[in-house]
Amino acid sequence: MKKLALPVLALLAGCANPGGITHRSSMAEPAALQAEQSLAGAPAGEWPQLDWWKRFGDAQLDALVGEALAGSPSVHLARARVDQALAAAQVAGAPLKPQAGASGDLTR
């Protein structure tokens, strides 16, 4: 088995092409995205509306969106939860950091 491993590895190394391993992607230019063309059909001043889903006239969709909005936290509440989780993580990691202590004793 060990005698076969070296030739197999040499064969696999011969298949590699190190010249083809390059970064091929690049940032897209904003002008190339042509967002003006895709949004050209949208009526000016109407889009987006806060109650956009009501245009579909579906009572079930209205109920689902109402339930989702009632149960979703605001940005401030979500930020407070993130801060609370970060504080809990710092408290949990506190014993792993260096600590200093002092004590005193007096006898007569």
C-alpha atoms as a PDB file:
ATOM      1  CA  MET A   1       0.000   0.000   0.000  1.00  0.00           C
ATOM      2  CA  LYS A   2       2.823   2.408   0.889  1.00  0.00           C
ATOM      3  CA  LYS A   3       4.629   1.548  -2.350  1.00  0.00           C
ATOM      4  CA  LEU A   4       1.554   2.534  -4.341  1.00  0.00           C
ATOM      5  CA  ALA A   5       0.985   5.845  -2.524  1.00  0.00           C
ATOM      6  CA  LEU A   6       4.070   7.614  -3.878  1.00  0.00           C
ATOM      7  CA  PRO A   7       3.343   6.948  -7.579  1.00  0.00           C
ATOM      8  CA  VAL A   8      -0.303   7.932  -7.107  1.00  0.00           C
ATOM      9  CA  LEU A   9       0.697  11.210  -5.454  1.00  0.00           C
ATOM     10  CA  ALA A  10       3.223  11.903  -8.203  1.00  0.00           C
ATOM     11  CA  LEU A  11       0.545  11.249 -10.827  1.00  0.00           C
ATOM     12  CA  LEU A  12      -1.902  13.589  -9.093  1.00  0.00           C
ATOM     13  CA  ALA A  13       0.759  16.290  -8.752  1.00  0.00           C
ATOM     14  CA  GLY A  14       1.424  16.033 -12.487  1.00  0.00           C
ATOM     15  CA  CYS A  15      -2.237  16.862 -13.186  1.00  0.00           C
ATOM     16  CA  ALA A  16      -2.075  20.165 -11.296  1.00  0.00           C
ATOM     17  CA  ASN A  17      -1.775  23.410 -13.235  1.00  0.00           C
ATOM     18  CA  PRO A  18      -0.433  26.123 -10.908  1.00  0.00           C
ATOM     19  CA  GLY A  19      -0.650  28.713 -13.690  1.00  0.00           C
ATOM     20  CA  GLY A  20      -4.465  28.440 -13.794  1.00  0.00           C
ATOM     21  CA  ILE A  21      -4.980  29.333 -10.151  1.00  0.00           C
ATOM     22  CA  THR A  22      -5.654  33.055 -10.332  1.00  0.00           C
ATOM     23  CA  HIS A  23      -8.234  35.503  -9.113  1.00  0.00           C
ATOM     24  CA  ARG A  24     -10.681  35.938 -11.981  1.00  0.00           C
ATOM     25  CA  SER A  25     -13.484  37.983 -10.451  1.00  0.00           C
ATOM     26  CA  SER A  26     -13.596  41.749 -10.271  1.00  0.00           C
ATOM     27  CA  MET A  27     -15.850  44.447  -8.878  1.00  0.00           C
ATOM     28  CA  ALA A  28     -18.745  45.409 -11.116  1.00  0.00           C
ATOM     29  CA  GLU A  29     -18.979  48.996 -12.213  1.00  0.00           C
ATOM     30  CA  PRO A  30     -22.199  50.689 -11.007  1.00  0.00           C
ATOM     31  CA  ALA A  31     -22.916  51.999 -14.504  1.00  0.00           C
ATOM     32  CA  ALA A  32     -22.770  48.458 -15.889  1.00  0.00           C
ATOM     33  CA  LEU A  33     -25.654  47.322 -13.650  1.00  0.00           C
ATOM     34  CA  GLN A  34     -28.149  49.529 -15.529  1.00  0.00           C
ATOM     35  CA  ALA A  35     -30.498  49.919 -12.581  1.00  0.00           C
ATOM     36  CA  GLU A  36     -32.213  52.838 -14.290  1.00  0.00           C
ATOM     37  CA  GLN A  37     -33.501  50.500 -16.996  1.00  0.00           C
ATOM     38  CA  SER A  38     -34.888  47.906 -14.590  1.00  0.00           C
ATOM     39  CA  LEU A  39     -36.669  50.535 -12.477  1.00  0.00           C
ATOM     40  CA  ALA A  40     -37.946  52.522 -15.447  1.00  0.00           C
ATOM     41  CA  GLY A  41     -41.402  50.897 -15.319  1.00  0.00           C
ATOM     42  CA  ALA A  42     -41.967  51.683 -11.638  1.00  0.00           C
ATOM     43  CA  PRO A  43     -44.327  54.609 -11.081  1.00  0.00           C
ATOM     44  CA  ALA A  44     -42.547  57.574  -9.555  1.00  0.00           C
ATOM     45  CA  GLY A  45     -43.561  58.409  -6.008  1.00  0.00           C
ATOM     46  CA  GLU A  46     -45.580  55.229  -5.439  1.00  0.00           C
ATOM     47  CA  TRP A  47     -42.843  52.697  -4.994  1.00  0.00           C
ATOM     48  CA  PRO A  48     -42.116  51.307  -2.437  1.00  0.00           C
ATOM     49  CA  GLN A  49     -45.199  51.695  -0.295  1.00  0.00           C
ATOM     50  CA  LEU A  50     -45.281  50.626   3.320  1.00  0.00           C
ATOM     51  CA  ASP A  51     -48.257  48.340   2.670  1.00  0.00           C
ATOM     52  CA  TRP A  52     -47.161  46.998  -0.726  1.00  0.00           C
ATOM     53  CA  TRP A  53     -48.632  43.534  -0.103  1.00  0.00           C
ATOM     54  CA  LYS A  54     -52.196  44.911   0.032  1.00  0.00           C
ATOM     55  CA  ARG A  55     -52.153  45.425  -3.745  1.00  0.00           C
ATOM     56  CA  PHE A  56     -52.542  41.651  -4.108  1.00  0.00           C
ATOM     57  CA  GLY A  57     -55.917  41.699  -2.305  1.00  0.00           C
ATOM     58  CA  ASP A  58     -55.225  38.476  -0.409  1.00  0.00           C
ATOM     59  CA  ALA A  59     -56.659  38.220   3.094  1.00  0.00           C
ATOM     60  CA  GLN A  60     -54.323  35.365   4.030  1.00  0.00           C
ATOM     61  CA  LEU A  61     -51.277  37.400   2.970  1.00  0.00           C
ATOM     62  CA  ASP A  62     -52.585  40.361   4.985  1.00  0.00           C
ATOM     63  CA  ALA A  63     -52.926  38.125   8.052  1.00  0.00           C
ATOM     64  CA  LEU A  64     -49.447  36.627   7.611  1.00  0.00           C
ATOM     65  CA  VAL A  65     -47.764  40.008   7.172  1.00  0.00           C
ATOM     66  CA  GLY A  66     -49.697  41.415  10.137  1.00  0.00           C
ATOM     67  CA  GLU A  67     -48.567  38.496  12.295  1.00  0.00           C
ATOM     68  CA  ALA A  68     -44.967  38.896  11.144  1.00  0.00           C
ATOM     69  CA  LEU A  69     -44.941  42.634  11.833  1.00  0.00           C
ATOM     70  CA  ALA A  70     -46.508  42.174  15.270  1.00  0.00           C
ATOM     71  CA  GLY A  71     -43.919  39.559  16.270  1.00  0.00           C
ATOM     72  CA  SER A  72     -40.840  41.189  14.780  1.00  0.00           C
ATOM     73  CA  PRO A  73     -38.597  43.337  16.940  1.00  0.00           C
ATOM     74  CA  SER A  74     -37.763  46.904  16.103  1.00  0.00           C
ATOM     75  CA  VAL A  75     -34.226  47.872  15.165  1.00  0.00           C
ATOM     76  CA  HIS A  76     -33.656  49.308  18.635  1.00  0.00           C
ATOM     77  CA  LEU A  77     -34.880  46.140  20.340  1.00  0.00           C
ATOM     78  CA  ALA A  78     -32.747  43.963  18.054  1.00  0.00           C
ATOM     79  CA  ARG A  79     -29.693  46.135  18.818  1.00  0.00           C
ATOM     80  CA  ALA A  80     -30.419  45.856  22.546  1.00  0.00           C
ATOM     81  CA  ARG A  81     -30.554  42.065  22.229  1.00  0.00           C
ATOM     82  CA  VAL A  82     -27.229  42.023  20.389  1.00  0.00           C
ATOM     83  CA  ASP A  83     -25.662  44.226  23.083  1.00  0.00           C
ATOM     84  CA  GLN A  84     -27.062  41.922  25.765  1.00  0.00           C
ATOM     85  CA  ALA A  85     -25.594  38.863  24.041  1.00  0.00           C
ATOM     86  CA  LEU A  86     -22.197  40.569  23.677  1.00  0.00           C
ATOM     87  CA  ALA A  87     -22.219  41.503  27.357  1.00  0.00           C
ATOM     88  CA  ALA A  88     -23.071  37.915  28.323  1.00  0.00           C
ATOM     89  CA  ALA A  89     -20.222  36.649  26.161  1.00  0.00           C
ATOM     90  CA  GLN A  90     -17.794  39.057  27.828  1.00  0.00           C
ATOM     91  CA  VAL A  91     -18.947  37.960  31.281  1.00  0.00           C
ATOM     92  CA  ALA A  92     -18.570  34.306  30.319  1.00  0.00           C
ATOM     93  CA  GLY A  93     -15.048  34.932  29.035  1.00  0.00           C
ATOM     94  CA  ALA A  94     -13.960  36.985  32.045  1.00  0.00           C
ATOM     95  CA  PRO A  95     -12.484  34.011  33.978  1.00  0.00           C
ATOM     96  CA  LEU A  96     -10.185  33.305  31.033  1.00  0.00           C
ATOM     97  CA  LYS A  97      -8.483  36.697  31.309  1.00  0.00           C
ATOM     98  CA  PRO A  98      -5.774  37.677  33.779  1.00  0.00           C
ATOM     99  CA  GLN A  99      -7.030  38.577  37.222  1.00  0.00           C
ATOM    100  CA  ALA A 100      -5.578  40.443  40.163  1.00  0.00           C
ATOM    101  CA  GLY A 101      -6.538  40.108  43.765  1.00  0.00           C
ATOM    102  CA  ALA A 102      -5.520  41.439  47.159  1.00  0.00           C
ATOM    103  CA  SER A 103      -6.114  40.407  50.704  1.00  0.00           C
ATOM    104  CA  GLY A 104      -5.045  41.523  54.106  1.00  0.00           C
ATOM    105  CA  ASP A 105      -4.644  39.917  57.511  1.00  0.00           C
ATOM    106  CA  LEU A 106      -4.032  41.495  60.864  1.00  0.00           C
ATOM    107  CA  THR A 107      -3.289  39.540  64.030  1.00  0.00           C
ATOM    108  CA  ARG A 108      -2.387  40.675  67.503  1.00  0.00           C
END
